[in-house]
């Protein structure tokens, strides 16, 4: 039987985040999948600062309109200008 469930590691034990229908004292095998975080390719602090400032400026130059819908449709998300 294969079940997938998320758990939090706390106090030396894995705590399931959803009900688990297993008999008490069942032995299981855990496969740990950590968060998918990629290390930065740019490590120079000055270059990272420049990139961040450029990103912030782009966000300021292209604000989300005040009348924008709370959720975009698939078509709106993929609309090309």
N, C-alpha and C. Protein backbone atom coordinates (compact mmCIF):
# COMPACT_ATOMS: atom_id res chain seq x y z
N UNK A 1 0.85 -1.17 0.00
CA UNK A 1 0.00 0.00 0.00
C UNK A 1 0.90 1.24 0.00
N UNK A 2 0.62 2.18 -0.90
CA UNK A 2 1.39 3.42 -0.97
C UNK A 2 0.47 4.57 -0.58
N UNK A 3 0.91 5.36 0.36
CA UNK A 3 0.21 6.58 0.77
C UNK A 3 1.21 7.72 0.75
N UNK A 4 0.77 8.85 0.31
CA UNK A 4 1.60 10.05 0.39
C UNK A 4 0.97 10.98 1.40
N UNK A 5 1.75 11.44 2.34
CA UNK A 5 1.24 12.44 3.26
C UNK A 5 2.37 13.35 3.68
N UNK A 6 2.00 14.56 3.98
CA UNK A 6 2.99 15.54 4.41
C UNK A 6 3.14 15.46 5.92
N UNK A 7 4.35 15.71 6.38
CA UNK A 7 4.63 15.68 7.80
C UNK A 7 5.62 16.79 8.14
N UNK A 8 5.62 17.16 9.39
CA UNK A 8 6.58 18.14 9.90
C UNK A 8 7.50 17.42 10.87
N UNK A 9 8.79 17.67 10.74
CA UNK A 9 9.76 17.07 11.66
C UNK A 9 9.84 17.97 12.87
N UNK A 10 9.49 17.43 14.04
CA UNK A 10 9.44 18.23 15.25
C UNK A 10 9.79 17.37 16.45
N UNK A 11 10.72 17.82 17.23
CA UNK A 11 11.08 17.11 18.45
C UNK A 11 11.57 15.69 18.20
N UNK A 12 12.24 15.47 17.06
CA UNK A 12 12.79 14.16 16.76
C UNK A 12 11.80 13.18 16.16
N UNK A 13 10.59 13.64 15.81
CA UNK A 13 9.59 12.75 15.24
C UNK A 13 8.91 13.44 14.05
N UNK A 14 8.41 12.65 13.12
CA UNK A 14 7.65 13.17 12.00
C UNK A 14 6.18 13.20 12.38
N UNK A 15 5.58 14.37 12.35
CA UNK A 15 4.19 14.55 12.74
C UNK A 15 3.36 14.69 11.47
N UNK A 16 2.48 13.72 11.16
CA UNK A 16 1.65 13.82 9.95
C UNK A 16 0.75 15.06 10.00
N UNK A 17 0.54 15.68 8.84
CA UNK A 17 -0.31 16.86 8.74
C UNK A 17 -1.73 16.52 8.31
N UNK A 18 -2.02 15.24 8.16
CA UNK A 18 -3.35 14.77 7.80
C UNK A 18 -3.54 13.41 8.47
N UNK A 19 -4.79 13.00 8.64
CA UNK A 19 -5.02 11.69 9.26
C UNK A 19 -4.33 10.58 8.47
N UNK A 20 -3.84 9.61 9.18
CA UNK A 20 -3.12 8.49 8.57
C UNK A 20 -3.80 7.20 9.02
N UNK A 21 -4.34 6.45 8.08
CA UNK A 21 -5.10 5.24 8.40
C UNK A 21 -4.18 4.02 8.44
N UNK A 22 -3.34 3.95 9.47
CA UNK A 22 -2.43 2.81 9.65
C UNK A 22 -2.65 2.22 11.04
N UNK A 23 -2.50 0.92 11.15
CA UNK A 23 -2.59 0.33 12.49
C UNK A 23 -1.45 0.85 13.37
N UNK A 24 -1.70 0.93 14.66
CA UNK A 24 -0.70 1.37 15.62
C UNK A 24 0.55 0.51 15.50
N UNK A 25 1.73 1.11 15.63
CA UNK A 25 3.04 0.45 15.55
C UNK A 25 3.38 -0.09 14.17
N UNK A 26 2.71 0.40 13.12
CA UNK A 26 3.06 -0.02 11.75
C UNK A 26 4.43 0.52 11.40
N UNK A 27 5.22 -0.27 10.72
CA UNK A 27 6.52 0.18 10.26
C UNK A 27 6.34 0.76 8.86
N UNK A 28 6.93 1.92 8.63
CA UNK A 28 6.84 2.59 7.33
C UNK A 28 8.24 2.99 6.87
N UNK A 29 8.36 3.26 5.61
CA UNK A 29 9.63 3.77 5.06
C UNK A 29 9.38 5.19 4.60
N UNK A 30 10.21 6.12 5.07
CA UNK A 30 10.06 7.52 4.70
C UNK A 30 11.05 7.87 3.60
N UNK A 31 10.56 8.59 2.61
CA UNK A 31 11.42 9.15 1.57
C UNK A 31 11.33 10.66 1.73
N UNK A 32 12.43 11.27 2.09
CA UNK A 32 12.44 12.70 2.40
C UNK A 32 12.66 13.50 1.12
N UNK A 33 11.72 14.39 0.81
CA UNK A 33 11.86 15.32 -0.30
C UNK A 33 11.90 16.71 0.29
N UNK A 34 13.06 17.30 0.31
CA UNK A 34 13.21 18.63 0.88
C UNK A 34 12.62 19.67 -0.05
N UNK A 35 12.53 20.89 0.42
CA UNK A 35 12.04 21.97 -0.44
C UNK A 35 12.96 22.14 -1.64
N UNK A 36 12.37 22.48 -2.77
CA UNK A 36 13.14 22.68 -3.99
C UNK A 36 13.68 24.11 -4.02
N UNK A 37 14.80 24.30 -3.40
CA UNK A 37 15.44 25.62 -3.37
C UNK A 37 16.77 25.51 -4.10
N UNK A 38 16.91 26.31 -5.12
CA UNK A 38 18.15 26.31 -5.89
C UNK A 38 19.09 27.36 -5.33
N UNK A 39 20.35 27.05 -5.21
CA UNK A 39 21.30 28.06 -4.75
C UNK A 39 21.42 29.17 -5.79
N UNK A 40 21.65 30.38 -5.37
CA UNK A 40 21.76 31.47 -6.33
C UNK A 40 22.97 31.28 -7.24
N UNK A 41 22.78 31.64 -8.51
CA UNK A 41 23.90 31.54 -9.45
C UNK A 41 24.80 32.77 -9.37
N UNK A 42 24.24 33.87 -8.87
CA UNK A 42 25.02 35.10 -8.70
C UNK A 42 25.38 35.20 -7.22
N UNK A 43 26.65 35.16 -6.91
CA UNK A 43 27.08 35.20 -5.51
C UNK A 43 27.72 36.53 -5.12
N UNK A 44 28.07 37.35 -6.10
CA UNK A 44 28.67 38.65 -5.79
C UNK A 44 27.61 39.56 -5.17
N UNK A 45 27.84 40.05 -3.95
CA UNK A 45 26.84 40.87 -3.27
C UNK A 45 26.43 42.13 -4.05
N UNK A 46 27.37 42.77 -4.70
CA UNK A 46 27.05 43.98 -5.46
C UNK A 46 26.17 43.66 -6.67
N UNK A 47 26.47 42.56 -7.34
CA UNK A 47 25.66 42.15 -8.50
C UNK A 47 24.26 41.76 -8.05
N UNK A 48 24.14 41.05 -6.92
CA UNK A 48 22.82 40.68 -6.39
C UNK A 48 22.03 41.94 -6.02
N UNK A 49 22.70 42.93 -5.44
CA UNK A 49 22.04 44.18 -5.08
C UNK A 49 21.53 44.88 -6.34
N UNK A 50 22.35 44.91 -7.39
CA UNK A 50 21.95 45.55 -8.64
C UNK A 50 20.74 44.85 -9.24
N UNK A 51 20.73 43.52 -9.23
CA UNK A 51 19.61 42.75 -9.77
C UNK A 51 18.34 43.04 -8.97
N UNK A 52 18.45 43.06 -7.65
CA UNK A 52 17.30 43.34 -6.80
C UNK A 52 16.75 44.74 -7.06
N UNK A 53 17.63 45.71 -7.16
CA UNK A 53 17.19 47.08 -7.43
C UNK A 53 16.50 47.17 -8.79
N UNK A 54 17.02 46.45 -9.78
CA UNK A 54 16.39 46.43 -11.11
C UNK A 54 15.00 45.80 -11.03
N UNK A 55 14.88 44.73 -10.28
CA UNK A 55 13.59 44.07 -10.10
C UNK A 55 12.59 45.01 -9.44
N UNK A 56 13.01 45.68 -8.39
CA UNK A 56 12.13 46.62 -7.70
C UNK A 56 11.70 47.75 -8.62
N UNK A 57 12.62 48.25 -9.41
CA UNK A 57 12.28 49.33 -10.35
C UNK A 57 11.28 48.83 -11.39
N UNK A 58 11.46 47.61 -11.89
CA UNK A 58 10.51 47.05 -12.86
C UNK A 58 9.12 46.92 -12.24
N UNK A 59 9.06 46.53 -10.96
CA UNK A 59 7.78 46.41 -10.28
C UNK A 59 7.13 47.79 -10.13
N UNK A 60 7.92 48.80 -9.84
CA UNK A 60 7.39 50.17 -9.71
C UNK A 60 6.92 50.70 -11.07
N UNK A 61 7.63 50.36 -12.13
CA UNK A 61 7.27 50.82 -13.47
C UNK A 61 6.03 50.10 -14.02
N UNK A 62 5.72 48.94 -13.48
CA UNK A 62 4.61 48.13 -13.98
C UNK A 62 3.71 47.68 -12.84
N UNK A 63 3.06 48.62 -12.15
CA UNK A 63 2.23 48.24 -11.00
C UNK A 63 0.98 47.48 -11.44
N UNK A 64 0.44 46.70 -10.52
CA UNK A 64 -0.83 46.03 -10.78
C UNK A 64 -1.91 47.10 -10.67
N UNK A 65 -2.76 47.22 -11.68
CA UNK A 65 -3.80 48.26 -11.64
C UNK A 65 -4.72 48.09 -10.43
N UNK A 66 -5.18 49.22 -9.88
CA UNK A 66 -6.06 49.19 -8.71
C UNK A 66 -7.35 48.44 -8.99
N UNK A 67 -7.81 48.45 -10.24
CA UNK A 67 -9.06 47.78 -10.58
C UNK A 67 -8.83 46.36 -11.12
N UNK A 68 -7.65 45.83 -10.90
CA UNK A 68 -7.34 44.47 -11.36
C UNK A 68 -8.18 43.46 -10.57
N UNK A 69 -8.61 42.38 -11.23
CA UNK A 69 -9.39 41.37 -10.50
C UNK A 69 -8.52 40.69 -9.45
N UNK A 70 -9.19 40.19 -8.41
CA UNK A 70 -8.47 39.49 -7.34
C UNK A 70 -7.81 38.23 -7.87
N UNK A 71 -8.44 37.60 -8.85
CA UNK A 71 -7.88 36.40 -9.47
C UNK A 71 -7.93 36.58 -10.98
N UNK A 72 -6.86 36.18 -11.63
CA UNK A 72 -6.81 36.26 -13.08
C UNK A 72 -7.25 34.93 -13.68
N UNK A 73 -7.87 35.00 -14.86
CA UNK A 73 -8.22 33.78 -15.58
C UNK A 73 -6.96 33.25 -16.25
N UNK A 74 -7.02 32.02 -16.72
CA UNK A 74 -5.88 31.43 -17.42
C UNK A 74 -5.51 32.28 -18.63
N UNK A 75 -6.52 32.75 -19.35
CA UNK A 75 -6.26 33.58 -20.54
C UNK A 75 -5.57 34.89 -20.18
N UNK A 76 -6.01 35.50 -19.07
CA UNK A 76 -5.39 36.75 -18.64
C UNK A 76 -3.94 36.53 -18.21
N UNK A 77 -3.68 35.41 -17.56
CA UNK A 77 -2.32 35.12 -17.13
C UNK A 77 -1.36 34.91 -18.30
N UNK A 78 -1.89 34.40 -19.40
CA UNK A 78 -1.04 34.06 -20.54
C UNK A 78 -1.18 35.05 -21.69
N UNK A 79 -1.85 36.17 -21.40
CA UNK A 79 -2.03 37.18 -22.43
C UNK A 79 -0.69 37.83 -22.76
N UNK A 80 -0.44 37.98 -24.04
CA UNK A 80 0.82 38.59 -24.49
C UNK A 80 0.54 39.98 -25.04
N UNK A 81 1.38 40.94 -24.69
CA UNK A 81 1.23 42.32 -25.21
C UNK A 81 2.39 42.64 -26.08
